[in-house]
N, C-alpha and C. Protein backbone atom coordinates (compact mmCIF):
# COMPACT_ATOMS: atom_id res chain seq x y z
N MET A 1 219.96 -25.17 20.01
CA MET A 1 220.49 -24.88 18.69
C MET A 1 220.24 -26.10 17.83
N THR A 2 219.91 -25.84 16.59
CA THR A 2 219.70 -26.91 15.64
C THR A 2 220.48 -26.61 14.38
N LEU A 3 221.46 -27.46 14.09
CA LEU A 3 222.21 -27.32 12.85
C LEU A 3 221.53 -28.19 11.80
N PRO A 4 221.44 -27.70 10.57
CA PRO A 4 220.81 -28.50 9.52
C PRO A 4 221.54 -29.83 9.32
N ALA A 5 220.78 -30.89 9.15
CA ALA A 5 221.37 -32.22 8.97
C ALA A 5 222.27 -32.27 7.74
N GLU A 6 221.95 -31.48 6.73
CA GLU A 6 222.72 -31.52 5.48
C GLU A 6 223.96 -30.63 5.52
N LEU A 7 224.23 -29.96 6.65
CA LEU A 7 225.38 -29.09 6.78
C LEU A 7 226.66 -29.92 6.71
N ASP A 8 227.53 -29.58 5.79
CA ASP A 8 228.78 -30.30 5.57
C ASP A 8 229.61 -30.34 6.86
N GLU A 9 230.26 -31.48 7.11
CA GLU A 9 231.05 -31.67 8.34
C GLU A 9 232.18 -30.65 8.45
N ALA A 10 232.79 -30.31 7.34
CA ALA A 10 233.88 -29.32 7.36
C ALA A 10 233.35 -27.95 7.77
N ILE A 11 232.14 -27.62 7.32
CA ILE A 11 231.54 -26.34 7.70
C ILE A 11 231.17 -26.36 9.17
N ARG A 12 230.65 -27.49 9.66
CA ARG A 12 230.34 -27.63 11.10
C ARG A 12 231.59 -27.40 11.94
N THR A 13 232.68 -28.02 11.53
CA THR A 13 233.93 -27.90 12.26
C THR A 13 234.42 -26.47 12.25
N ARG A 14 234.38 -25.82 11.09
CA ARG A 14 234.81 -24.43 10.99
C ARG A 14 233.95 -23.52 11.86
N LEU A 15 232.63 -23.72 11.81
CA LEU A 15 231.74 -22.91 12.63
C LEU A 15 232.02 -23.09 14.13
N ALA A 16 232.26 -24.32 14.55
CA ALA A 16 232.55 -24.58 15.96
C ALA A 16 233.85 -23.91 16.38
N ASN A 17 234.87 -23.99 15.55
CA ASN A 17 236.15 -23.34 15.86
C ASN A 17 236.00 -21.83 15.88
N ASP A 18 235.28 -21.28 14.90
CA ASP A 18 235.06 -19.84 14.87
C ASP A 18 234.25 -19.37 16.07
N GLU A 19 233.29 -20.20 16.50
CA GLU A 19 232.47 -19.87 17.67
C GLU A 19 233.33 -19.80 18.93
N LEU A 20 234.22 -20.75 19.10
CA LEU A 20 235.12 -20.73 20.25
C LEU A 20 236.02 -19.48 20.25
N GLU A 21 236.55 -19.16 19.09
CA GLU A 21 237.41 -17.98 18.96
C GLU A 21 236.63 -16.70 19.30
N ARG A 22 235.42 -16.58 18.75
CA ARG A 22 234.62 -15.38 19.03
C ARG A 22 234.20 -15.34 20.50
N GLY A 23 233.89 -16.48 21.07
CA GLY A 23 233.54 -16.54 22.49
C GLY A 23 234.68 -16.09 23.37
N ARG A 24 235.89 -16.51 23.05
CA ARG A 24 237.07 -16.06 23.81
C ARG A 24 237.23 -14.55 23.72
N THR A 25 237.01 -14.00 22.54
CA THR A 25 237.12 -12.55 22.36
C THR A 25 236.08 -11.82 23.21
N LEU A 26 234.84 -12.32 23.21
CA LEU A 26 233.79 -11.71 24.00
C LEU A 26 234.05 -11.86 25.49
N ALA A 27 234.63 -12.98 25.90
CA ALA A 27 235.00 -13.18 27.31
C ALA A 27 236.13 -12.23 27.70
N ASP A 28 237.13 -12.11 26.84
CA ASP A 28 238.24 -11.19 27.12
C ASP A 28 237.76 -9.74 27.23
N ALA A 29 236.71 -9.41 26.48
CA ALA A 29 236.14 -8.06 26.52
C ALA A 29 235.24 -7.84 27.73
N GLY A 30 234.96 -8.92 28.49
CA GLY A 30 234.13 -8.80 29.68
C GLY A 30 232.64 -8.95 29.44
N LEU A 31 232.23 -9.20 28.21
CA LEU A 31 230.81 -9.37 27.93
C LEU A 31 230.31 -10.76 28.33
N LEU A 32 231.03 -11.79 27.97
CA LEU A 32 230.69 -13.17 28.34
C LEU A 32 231.39 -13.46 29.66
N ARG A 33 230.58 -13.53 30.74
CA ARG A 33 231.14 -13.64 32.09
C ARG A 33 231.30 -15.09 32.55
N ALA A 34 230.39 -15.97 32.13
CA ALA A 34 230.46 -17.38 32.52
C ALA A 34 229.61 -18.16 31.53
N ILE A 35 229.99 -19.44 31.33
CA ILE A 35 229.22 -20.28 30.40
C ILE A 35 229.31 -21.74 30.84
N TRP A 36 228.20 -22.44 30.66
CA TRP A 36 228.12 -23.85 31.03
C TRP A 36 227.47 -24.61 29.86
N ARG A 37 227.90 -25.83 29.65
CA ARG A 37 227.29 -26.73 28.66
C ARG A 37 226.08 -27.39 29.31
N VAL A 38 225.00 -27.56 28.56
CA VAL A 38 223.83 -28.32 29.02
C VAL A 38 224.07 -29.76 28.61
N PRO A 39 224.25 -30.67 29.58
CA PRO A 39 224.57 -32.06 29.24
C PRO A 39 223.51 -32.71 28.34
N GLY A 40 223.99 -33.42 27.35
CA GLY A 40 223.10 -34.17 26.47
C GLY A 40 222.45 -33.35 25.38
N ARG A 41 222.79 -32.07 25.29
CA ARG A 41 222.19 -31.20 24.27
C ARG A 41 223.26 -30.33 23.63
N LEU A 42 222.99 -29.85 22.47
CA LEU A 42 223.86 -28.87 21.83
C LEU A 42 223.37 -27.50 22.30
N ALA A 43 223.62 -27.22 23.59
CA ALA A 43 223.09 -26.00 24.21
C ALA A 43 223.99 -25.54 25.34
N ASN A 44 223.91 -24.27 25.64
CA ASN A 44 224.68 -23.66 26.71
C ASN A 44 223.78 -22.75 27.53
N LYS A 45 224.25 -22.45 28.73
CA LYS A 45 223.69 -21.39 29.56
C LYS A 45 224.85 -20.46 29.86
N ALA A 46 224.61 -19.16 29.79
CA ALA A 46 225.70 -18.22 29.98
C ALA A 46 225.22 -16.98 30.72
N ILE A 47 226.18 -16.30 31.32
CA ILE A 47 225.92 -15.01 31.94
C ILE A 47 226.71 -13.98 31.14
N TRP A 48 225.98 -12.98 30.68
CA TRP A 48 226.55 -11.90 29.89
C TRP A 48 226.40 -10.60 30.66
N THR A 49 227.32 -9.68 30.43
CA THR A 49 227.22 -8.32 30.96
C THR A 49 227.28 -7.37 29.79
N ALA A 50 226.29 -6.51 29.69
CA ALA A 50 226.24 -5.54 28.60
C ALA A 50 225.67 -4.23 29.13
N ALA A 51 226.08 -3.15 28.52
CA ALA A 51 225.61 -1.84 28.93
C ALA A 51 224.11 -1.69 28.69
N ASP A 52 223.63 -2.34 27.65
CA ASP A 52 222.21 -2.25 27.31
C ASP A 52 221.84 -3.38 26.35
N ALA A 53 220.57 -3.43 25.99
CA ALA A 53 220.09 -4.50 25.11
C ALA A 53 220.75 -4.46 23.74
N THR A 54 221.06 -3.29 23.26
CA THR A 54 221.71 -3.18 21.94
C THR A 54 223.10 -3.79 21.97
N GLU A 55 223.87 -3.54 23.03
CA GLU A 55 225.20 -4.12 23.12
C GLU A 55 225.13 -5.64 23.21
N LEU A 56 224.18 -6.15 23.98
CA LEU A 56 224.00 -7.59 24.09
C LEU A 56 223.62 -8.19 22.74
N ASN A 57 222.68 -7.56 22.05
CA ASN A 57 222.25 -8.04 20.75
C ASN A 57 223.42 -8.06 19.76
N THR A 58 224.23 -7.03 19.78
CA THR A 58 225.39 -6.97 18.89
C THR A 58 226.35 -8.12 19.19
N ALA A 59 226.59 -8.38 20.47
CA ALA A 59 227.48 -9.48 20.85
C ALA A 59 226.92 -10.83 20.41
N LEU A 60 225.65 -11.08 20.70
CA LEU A 60 225.04 -12.35 20.36
C LEU A 60 225.01 -12.59 18.85
N THR A 61 224.64 -11.58 18.11
CA THR A 61 224.53 -11.76 16.66
C THR A 61 225.90 -11.82 15.98
N SER A 62 226.97 -11.52 16.72
CA SER A 62 228.32 -11.65 16.17
C SER A 62 228.84 -13.09 16.24
N LEU A 63 228.12 -13.95 16.94
CA LEU A 63 228.54 -15.34 17.06
C LEU A 63 228.32 -16.08 15.73
N PRO A 64 229.30 -16.83 15.28
CA PRO A 64 229.17 -17.55 14.01
C PRO A 64 227.97 -18.50 13.94
N LEU A 65 227.60 -19.08 15.08
CA LEU A 65 226.47 -20.01 15.09
C LEU A 65 225.12 -19.31 15.32
N TRP A 66 225.13 -18.00 15.41
CA TRP A 66 223.91 -17.24 15.66
C TRP A 66 222.73 -17.65 14.76
N PRO A 67 222.94 -17.83 13.45
CA PRO A 67 221.80 -18.17 12.59
C PRO A 67 221.09 -19.47 12.99
N TYR A 68 221.74 -20.32 13.76
CA TYR A 68 221.17 -21.61 14.14
C TYR A 68 220.70 -21.65 15.59
N MET A 69 220.87 -20.54 16.29
CA MET A 69 220.57 -20.50 17.73
C MET A 69 219.11 -20.15 18.00
N ASP A 70 218.63 -20.68 19.11
CA ASP A 70 217.35 -20.31 19.67
C ASP A 70 217.68 -19.68 21.02
N VAL A 71 217.71 -18.35 21.08
CA VAL A 71 218.21 -17.64 22.26
C VAL A 71 217.04 -17.11 23.07
N ALA A 72 217.13 -17.30 24.36
CA ALA A 72 216.19 -16.69 25.31
C ALA A 72 217.00 -15.85 26.29
N VAL A 73 216.68 -14.58 26.42
CA VAL A 73 217.40 -13.66 27.29
C VAL A 73 216.53 -13.36 28.50
N THR A 74 217.12 -13.48 29.67
CA THR A 74 216.48 -13.08 30.92
C THR A 74 217.34 -12.01 31.55
N ALA A 75 216.82 -10.80 31.61
CA ALA A 75 217.57 -9.70 32.22
C ALA A 75 217.62 -9.90 33.74
N LEU A 76 218.78 -9.65 34.31
CA LEU A 76 218.98 -9.80 35.75
C LEU A 76 219.51 -8.49 36.33
N ALA A 77 219.16 -8.22 37.55
CA ALA A 77 219.68 -7.06 38.27
C ALA A 77 220.44 -7.54 39.50
N HIS A 78 221.37 -6.75 39.94
CA HIS A 78 222.17 -7.08 41.11
C HIS A 78 221.26 -7.17 42.35
N HIS A 79 221.49 -8.16 43.16
CA HIS A 79 220.77 -8.32 44.43
C HIS A 79 221.76 -8.03 45.56
N PRO A 80 221.33 -7.39 46.65
CA PRO A 80 222.25 -7.05 47.73
C PRO A 80 222.93 -8.28 48.36
N LEU A 81 222.37 -9.47 48.22
CA LEU A 81 222.98 -10.68 48.78
C LEU A 81 223.91 -11.39 47.81
N SER A 82 224.00 -10.89 46.58
CA SER A 82 224.83 -11.57 45.57
C SER A 82 226.25 -11.82 46.05
N ASP A 83 226.87 -10.80 46.62
CA ASP A 83 228.26 -10.92 47.06
C ASP A 83 228.38 -11.93 48.20
N ALA A 84 227.44 -11.92 49.13
CA ALA A 84 227.47 -12.84 50.26
C ALA A 84 227.30 -14.29 49.81
N CYS A 85 226.63 -14.48 48.69
CA CYS A 85 226.38 -15.85 48.16
C CYS A 85 227.49 -16.31 47.23
N GLY A 86 228.52 -15.48 47.05
CA GLY A 86 229.60 -15.87 46.17
C GLY A 86 229.28 -15.70 44.70
N GLY A 87 228.24 -14.92 44.40
CA GLY A 87 227.84 -14.70 43.01
C GLY A 87 228.85 -13.87 42.25
N LEU A 88 228.63 -13.72 40.98
CA LEU A 88 229.52 -12.91 40.15
C LEU A 88 229.39 -11.46 40.58
N ALA A 89 230.52 -10.80 40.71
CA ALA A 89 230.51 -9.39 41.08
C ALA A 89 230.05 -8.56 39.89
N ARG A 90 229.49 -7.41 40.18
CA ARG A 90 229.10 -6.50 39.13
C ARG A 90 230.34 -5.98 38.43
N PRO A 91 230.26 -5.74 37.13
CA PRO A 91 231.43 -5.29 36.40
C PRO A 91 231.92 -3.92 36.84
N ASP A 92 231.03 -3.09 37.43
CA ASP A 92 231.45 -1.76 37.87
C ASP A 92 232.01 -1.75 39.29
N GLY A 93 232.10 -2.93 39.89
CA GLY A 93 232.65 -3.04 41.23
C GLY A 93 231.66 -2.72 42.35
N GLY A 94 230.45 -2.34 42.00
CA GLY A 94 229.44 -2.01 42.99
C GLY A 94 229.00 -3.25 43.75
N SER A 95 228.42 -2.99 44.94
CA SER A 95 228.07 -4.14 45.76
C SER A 95 226.62 -4.11 46.26
N GLY A 96 225.86 -3.09 45.94
CA GLY A 96 224.51 -3.07 46.45
C GLY A 96 223.77 -1.80 46.10
N PHE A 97 222.67 -1.58 46.81
CA PHE A 97 221.87 -0.40 46.56
C PHE A 97 222.66 0.88 46.84
N GLY A 98 222.35 1.90 46.10
CA GLY A 98 222.98 3.19 46.32
C GLY A 98 224.31 3.37 45.61
N ASP A 99 224.80 2.33 44.94
CA ASP A 99 226.05 2.47 44.20
C ASP A 99 225.83 3.38 43.01
N ALA A 100 226.84 4.17 42.72
CA ALA A 100 226.75 5.09 41.58
C ALA A 100 227.02 4.33 40.30
């Protein structure tokens, strides 16, 4: 993410606070499942759960800092070993192949 150098400090602070609030809302809704800060950068890595690409796009573009973000999305599918490795469970409670 790159914020313009000329962006007023008060606006930066407001955007950061609004971003945290929106992130909490998305986490409470189950869309934002996990997030980590990338040390030394104004960047994050996150795991999102969405019904489809449109739902994910709607969530991402609702973030106050969206206009300044450089987002790369990598779609992931459940792997049968995910549960054994302590990975995040699927939101539907399924655990492997053949789940409805």
